[in-house]
Amino acid sequence: MSRAIDYGNLMHRAMRGLIQEVLEGVSRTGLPGEHHFFITFDTMHPEVEIADWLSDRYPGDMTVVIQHWFADLSVTDDGFSITLNFGDNPERLYIPFDAIRTFVDPSVEFGLRFETQTSDEDEDDGEDEAPMDEMAEARSEKRGDAEIVSLDRFRK
């Protein structure tokens, strides 16, 4: 019986561990310098916890920005909880790491993209990391009617 090493899943687990470690640091000491994050996640993932009006408005993907105002960032081995402000309405979200599709820190042109694998037979091209220009291009192409939620838009 022949078995293969599942490099795709091993890489995804390592990248999610990187996100976990970064968010744990931010929860302890805040965002350093100009760092900020765009995190796109699957709103239909069974473990995602967001307000009904958010899942109605974003019935597939949603991108949140962690930058100027956020509160109560709590990180576990499985995901993170955070309170973000949506039009002067603070909302608590829980995002499991498995629901994350992209993680981008534009301040240093760093981005991770998690490919969806539908079966074990799918071939992995090994391109799980993408430069910022490719991430922005992919975001604008896949966005359709969705919109990146920027907290700056809600500031007075």
C-alpha atoms as a PDB file:
ATOM      1  CA  MET A   1       0.000   0.000   0.000  1.00  0.00           C
ATOM      2  CA  SER A   2       1.482   3.302  -1.097  1.00  0.00           C
ATOM      3  CA  ARG A   3       0.930   6.499   0.868  1.00  0.00           C
ATOM      4  CA  ALA A   4       1.877  10.009  -0.110  1.00  0.00           C
ATOM      5  CA  ILE A   5       2.963  12.907   2.066  1.00  0.00           C
ATOM      6  CA  ASP A   6       0.189  15.498   2.044  1.00  0.00           C
ATOM      7  CA  TYR A   7       2.359  18.594   1.632  1.00  0.00           C
ATOM      8  CA  GLY A   8      -0.646  20.822   0.874  1.00  0.00           C
ATOM      9  CA  ASN A   9      -2.337  20.183   4.214  1.00  0.00           C
ATOM     10  CA  LEU A  10       0.968  20.337   6.082  1.00  0.00           C
ATOM     11  CA  MET A  11       1.679  23.744   4.526  1.00  0.00           C
ATOM     12  CA  HIS A  12      -1.819  25.014   5.353  1.00  0.00           C
ATOM     13  CA  ARG A  13      -1.423  23.914   8.966  1.00  0.00           C
ATOM     14  CA  ALA A  14       1.940  25.689   9.199  1.00  0.00           C
ATOM     15  CA  MET A  15       0.532  28.887   7.651  1.00  0.00           C
ATOM     16  CA  ARG A  16      -2.426  28.835  10.059  1.00  0.00           C
ATOM     17  CA  GLY A  17       0.079  28.411  12.903  1.00  0.00           C
ATOM     18  CA  LEU A  18       1.883  31.508  11.640  1.00  0.00           C
ATOM     19  CA  ILE A  19      -1.390  33.494  11.697  1.00  0.00           C
ATOM     20  CA  GLN A  20      -2.113  32.200  15.205  1.00  0.00           C
ATOM     21  CA  GLU A  21       1.315  33.288  16.432  1.00  0.00           C
ATOM     22  CA  VAL A  22       0.996  36.748  14.851  1.00  0.00           C
ATOM     23  CA  LEU A  23      -2.462  37.313  16.349  1.00  0.00           C
ATOM     24  CA  GLU A  24      -1.312  36.087  19.776  1.00  0.00           C
ATOM     25  CA  GLY A  25       1.445  38.714  19.692  1.00  0.00           C
ATOM     26  CA  VAL A  26      -1.031  41.424  18.701  1.00  0.00           C
ATOM     27  CA  SER A  27      -3.387  40.373  21.509  1.00  0.00           C
ATOM     28  CA  ARG A  28      -0.537  40.794  24.025  1.00  0.00           C
ATOM     29  CA  THR A  29       1.151  43.968  22.774  1.00  0.00           C
ATOM     30  CA  GLY A  30      -1.030  45.535  20.058  1.00  0.00           C
ATOM     31  CA  LEU A  31      -0.171  46.170  16.424  1.00  0.00           C
ATOM     32  CA  PRO A  32       3.437  47.272  15.947  1.00  0.00           C
ATOM     33  CA  GLY A  33       4.250  50.177  13.640  1.00  0.00           C
ATOM     34  CA  GLU A  34       2.205  50.319  10.460  1.00  0.00           C
ATOM     35  CA  HIS A  35       1.172  46.651  10.515  1.00  0.00           C
ATOM     36  CA  HIS A  36      -2.482  45.892   9.826  1.00  0.00           C
ATOM     37  CA  PHE A  37      -4.340  42.899   8.463  1.00  0.00           C
ATOM     38  CA  PHE A  38      -6.946  42.112   5.849  1.00  0.00           C
ATOM     39  CA  ILE A  39      -8.460  38.741   6.708  1.00  0.00           C
ATOM     40  CA  THR A  40     -10.907  37.138   4.285  1.00  0.00           C
ATOM     41  CA  PHE A  41     -12.899  34.226   5.631  1.00  0.00           C
ATOM     42  CA  ASP A  42     -15.759  31.917   4.687  1.00  0.00           C
ATOM     43  CA  THR A  43     -18.880  33.251   6.426  1.00  0.00           C
ATOM     44  CA  MET A  44     -20.647  29.920   5.828  1.00  0.00           C
ATOM     45  CA  HIS A  45     -18.033  27.871   7.702  1.00  0.00           C
ATOM     46  CA  PRO A  46     -19.988  25.972  10.383  1.00  0.00           C
ATOM     47  CA  GLU A  47     -17.874  27.322  13.253  1.00  0.00           C
ATOM     48  CA  VAL A  48     -17.878  31.005  12.233  1.00  0.00           C
ATOM     49  CA  GLU A  49     -19.837  33.171  14.678  1.00  0.00           C
ATOM     50  CA  ILE A  50     -20.948  36.533  13.302  1.00  0.00           C
ATOM     51  CA  ALA A  51     -24.113  38.606  13.591  1.00  0.00           C
ATOM     52  CA  ASP A  52     -26.973  37.479  11.356  1.00  0.00           C
ATOM     53  CA  TRP A  53     -27.002  40.800   9.504  1.00  0.00           C
ATOM     54  CA  LEU A  54     -23.322  40.308   8.586  1.00  0.00           C
ATOM     55  CA  SER A  55     -23.838  36.775   7.281  1.00  0.00           C
ATOM     56  CA  ASP A  56     -26.881  38.024   5.323  1.00  0.00           C
ATOM     57  CA  ARG A  57     -24.831  40.852   3.811  1.00  0.00           C
ATOM     58  CA  TYR A  58     -21.784  38.643   3.147  1.00  0.00           C
ATOM     59  CA  PRO A  59     -23.182  35.182   2.313  1.00  0.00           C
ATOM     60  CA  GLY A  60     -19.868  33.698   1.149  1.00  0.00           C
ATOM     61  CA  ASP A  61     -16.698  35.622   1.895  1.00  0.00           C
ATOM     62  CA  MET A  62     -16.128  38.582   4.134  1.00  0.00           C
ATOM     63  CA  THR A  63     -12.957  40.614   4.591  1.00  0.00           C
ATOM     64  CA  VAL A  64     -12.303  42.311   7.904  1.00  0.00           C
ATOM     65  CA  VAL A  65      -9.583  44.828   8.636  1.00  0.00           C
ATOM     66  CA  ILE A  66      -7.670  44.781  11.893  1.00  0.00           C
ATOM     67  CA  GLN A  67      -6.040  48.177  12.102  1.00  0.00           C
ATOM     68  CA  HIS A  68      -7.082  51.236  14.089  1.00  0.00           C
ATOM     69  CA  TRP A  69      -9.934  50.075  16.298  1.00  0.00           C
ATOM     70  CA  PHE A  70     -10.474  46.590  17.605  1.00  0.00           C
ATOM     71  CA  ALA A  71     -11.075  45.170  21.049  1.00  0.00           C
ATOM     72  CA  ASP A  72     -11.012  41.938  23.008  1.00  0.00           C
ATOM     73  CA  LEU A  73      -8.762  39.985  20.621  1.00  0.00           C
ATOM     74  CA  SER A  74      -8.606  36.466  22.009  1.00  0.00           C
ATOM     75  CA  VAL A  75      -6.700  33.669  20.256  1.00  0.00           C
ATOM     76  CA  THR A  76      -7.052  29.908  20.767  1.00  0.00           C
ATOM     77  CA  ASP A  77      -5.557  26.920  18.970  1.00  0.00           C
ATOM     78  CA  ASP A  78      -8.645  26.756  16.737  1.00  0.00           C
ATOM     79  CA  GLY A  79      -9.386  30.401  15.919  1.00  0.00           C
ATOM     80  CA  PHE A  80      -9.783  33.909  17.250  1.00  0.00           C
ATOM     81  CA  SER A  81     -12.467  36.203  18.628  1.00  0.00           C
ATOM     82  CA  ILE A  82     -12.425  39.933  18.125  1.00  0.00           C
ATOM     83  CA  THR A  83     -14.763  42.891  18.476  1.00  0.00           C
ATOM     84  CA  LEU A  84     -14.824  45.185  15.436  1.00  0.00           C
ATOM     85  CA  ASN A  85     -16.799  48.334  14.750  1.00  0.00           C
ATOM     86  CA  PHE A  86     -19.311  48.319  11.871  1.00  0.00           C
ATOM     87  CA  GLY A  87     -20.870  51.766  11.446  1.00  0.00           C
ATOM     88  CA  ASP A  88     -20.614  52.599  15.163  1.00  0.00           C
ATOM     89  CA  ASN A  89     -21.982  49.137  16.021  1.00  0.00           C
ATOM     90  CA  PRO A  90     -19.406  46.994  17.805  1.00  0.00           C
ATOM     91  CA  GLU A  91     -19.809  43.343  16.807  1.00  0.00           C
ATOM     92  CA  ARG A  92     -18.108  40.298  18.278  1.00  0.00           C
ATOM     93  CA  LEU A  93     -16.840  37.773  15.712  1.00  0.00           C
ATOM     94  CA  TYR A  94     -15.344  34.316  16.076  1.00  0.00           C
ATOM     95  CA  ILE A  95     -13.279  33.164  13.095  1.00  0.00           C
ATOM     96  CA  PRO A  96     -11.801  29.663  13.098  1.00  0.00           C
ATOM     97  CA  PHE A  97      -8.423  29.394  11.401  1.00  0.00           C
ATOM     98  CA  ASP A  98      -9.899  26.773   9.044  1.00  0.00           C
ATOM     99  CA  ALA A  99     -12.339  29.413   7.707  1.00  0.00           C
ATOM    100  CA  ILE A 100      -9.589  31.854   6.666  1.00  0.00           C
ATOM    101  CA  ARG A 101      -9.100  32.167   2.905  1.00  0.00           C
ATOM    102  CA  THR A 102      -6.554  35.008   2.813  1.00  0.00           C
ATOM    103  CA  PHE A 103      -4.395  36.822   5.341  1.00  0.00           C
ATOM    104  CA  VAL A 104      -2.646  39.972   4.124  1.00  0.00           C
ATOM    105  CA  ASP A 105      -0.437  42.523   5.864  1.00  0.00           C
ATOM    106  CA  PRO A 106      -0.118  45.279   3.233  1.00  0.00           C
ATOM    107  CA  SER A 107       2.382  47.251   5.321  1.00  0.00           C
ATOM    108  CA  VAL A 108       5.061  44.680   4.490  1.00  0.00           C
ATOM    109  CA  GLU A 109       3.532  43.202   1.304  1.00  0.00           C
ATOM    110  CA  PHE A 110       2.944  39.836   2.970  1.00  0.00           C
ATOM    111  CA  GLY A 111       0.061  37.597   1.990  1.00  0.00           C
ATOM    112  CA  LEU A 112      -1.157  34.049   2.409  1.00  0.00           C
ATOM    113  CA  ARG A 113      -3.883  32.419   0.351  1.00  0.00           C
ATOM    114  CA  PHE A 114      -5.492  29.129   1.300  1.00  0.00           C
ATOM    115  CA  GLU A 115      -6.621  27.103  -1.671  1.00  0.00           C
ATOM    116  CA  THR A 116      -9.807  25.099  -1.301  1.00  0.00           C
ATOM    117  CA  GLN A 117      -9.175  21.450  -1.991  1.00  0.00           C
ATOM    118  CA  THR A 118     -12.247  19.496  -3.045  1.00  0.00           C
ATOM    119  CA  SER A 119     -10.633  16.059  -2.988  1.00  0.00           C
ATOM    120  CA  ASP A 120      -7.414  14.242  -2.248  1.00  0.00           C
ATOM    121  CA  GLU A 121      -6.894  13.826  -5.995  1.00  0.00           C
ATOM    122  CA  ASP A 122      -6.526  17.573  -6.615  1.00  0.00           C
ATOM    123  CA  GLU A 123      -3.049  18.622  -7.575  1.00  0.00           C
ATOM    124  CA  ASP A 124      -1.403  21.298  -5.472  1.00  0.00           C
ATOM    125  CA  ASP A 125       0.744  23.707  -7.440  1.00  0.00           C
ATOM    126  CA  GLY A 126       2.629  24.670  -4.276  1.00  0.00           C
ATOM    127  CA  GLU A 127       1.745  28.340  -4.701  1.00  0.00           C
ATOM    128  CA  ASP A 128       0.065  29.054  -1.378  1.00  0.00           C
ATOM    129  CA  GLU A 129       1.840  32.371  -0.890  1.00  0.00           C
ATOM    130  CA  ALA A 130       1.111  35.251  -3.229  1.00  0.00           C
ATOM    131  CA  PRO A 131       2.703  38.665  -3.630  1.00  0.00           C
ATOM    132  CA  MET A 132       0.558  41.652  -2.716  1.00  0.00           C
ATOM    133  CA  ASP A 133      -0.276  42.631  -6.305  1.00  0.00           C
ATOM    134  CA  GLU A 134      -1.595  39.122  -6.999  1.00  0.00           C
ATOM    135  CA  MET A 135      -3.582  39.187  -3.748  1.00  0.00           C
ATOM    136  CA  ALA A 136      -5.175  42.521  -4.635  1.00  0.00           C
ATOM    137  CA  GLU A 137      -5.942  41.285  -8.141  1.00  0.00           C
ATOM    138  CA  ALA A 138      -7.498  38.082  -6.833  1.00  0.00           C
ATOM    139  CA  ARG A 139      -9.513  40.016  -4.263  1.00  0.00           C
ATOM    140  CA  SER A 140     -10.943  42.385  -6.879  1.00  0.00           C
ATOM    141  CA  GLU A 141     -11.702  39.551  -9.313  1.00  0.00           C
ATOM    142  CA  LYS A 142     -13.413  37.315  -6.771  1.00  0.00           C
ATOM    143  CA  ARG A 143     -15.204  40.075  -4.890  1.00  0.00           C
ATOM    144  CA  GLY A 144     -18.178  40.508  -7.223  1.00  0.00           C
ATOM    145  CA  ASP A 145     -20.859  42.251  -5.184  1.00  0.00           C
ATOM    146  CA  ALA A 146     -18.934  41.858  -1.935  1.00  0.00           C
ATOM    147  CA  GLU A 147     -16.994  44.741  -0.512  1.00  0.00           C
ATOM    148  CA  ILE A 148     -13.946  44.995   1.700  1.00  0.00           C
ATOM    149  CA  VAL A 149     -15.050  46.418   5.025  1.00  0.00           C
ATOM    150  CA  SER A 150     -12.705  49.185   6.071  1.00  0.00           C
ATOM    151  CA  LEU A 151     -13.031  50.671   9.528  1.00  0.00           C
ATOM    152  CA  ASP A 152     -11.728  54.013   8.247  1.00  0.00           C
ATOM    153  CA  ARG A 153     -14.996  54.489   6.378  1.00  0.00           C
ATOM    154  CA  PHE A 154     -16.894  54.590   9.689  1.00  0.00           C
ATOM    155  CA  ARG A 155     -14.694  57.133  11.455  1.00  0.00           C
ATOM    156  CA  LYS A 156     -15.885  60.667  12.067  1.00  0.00           C
END
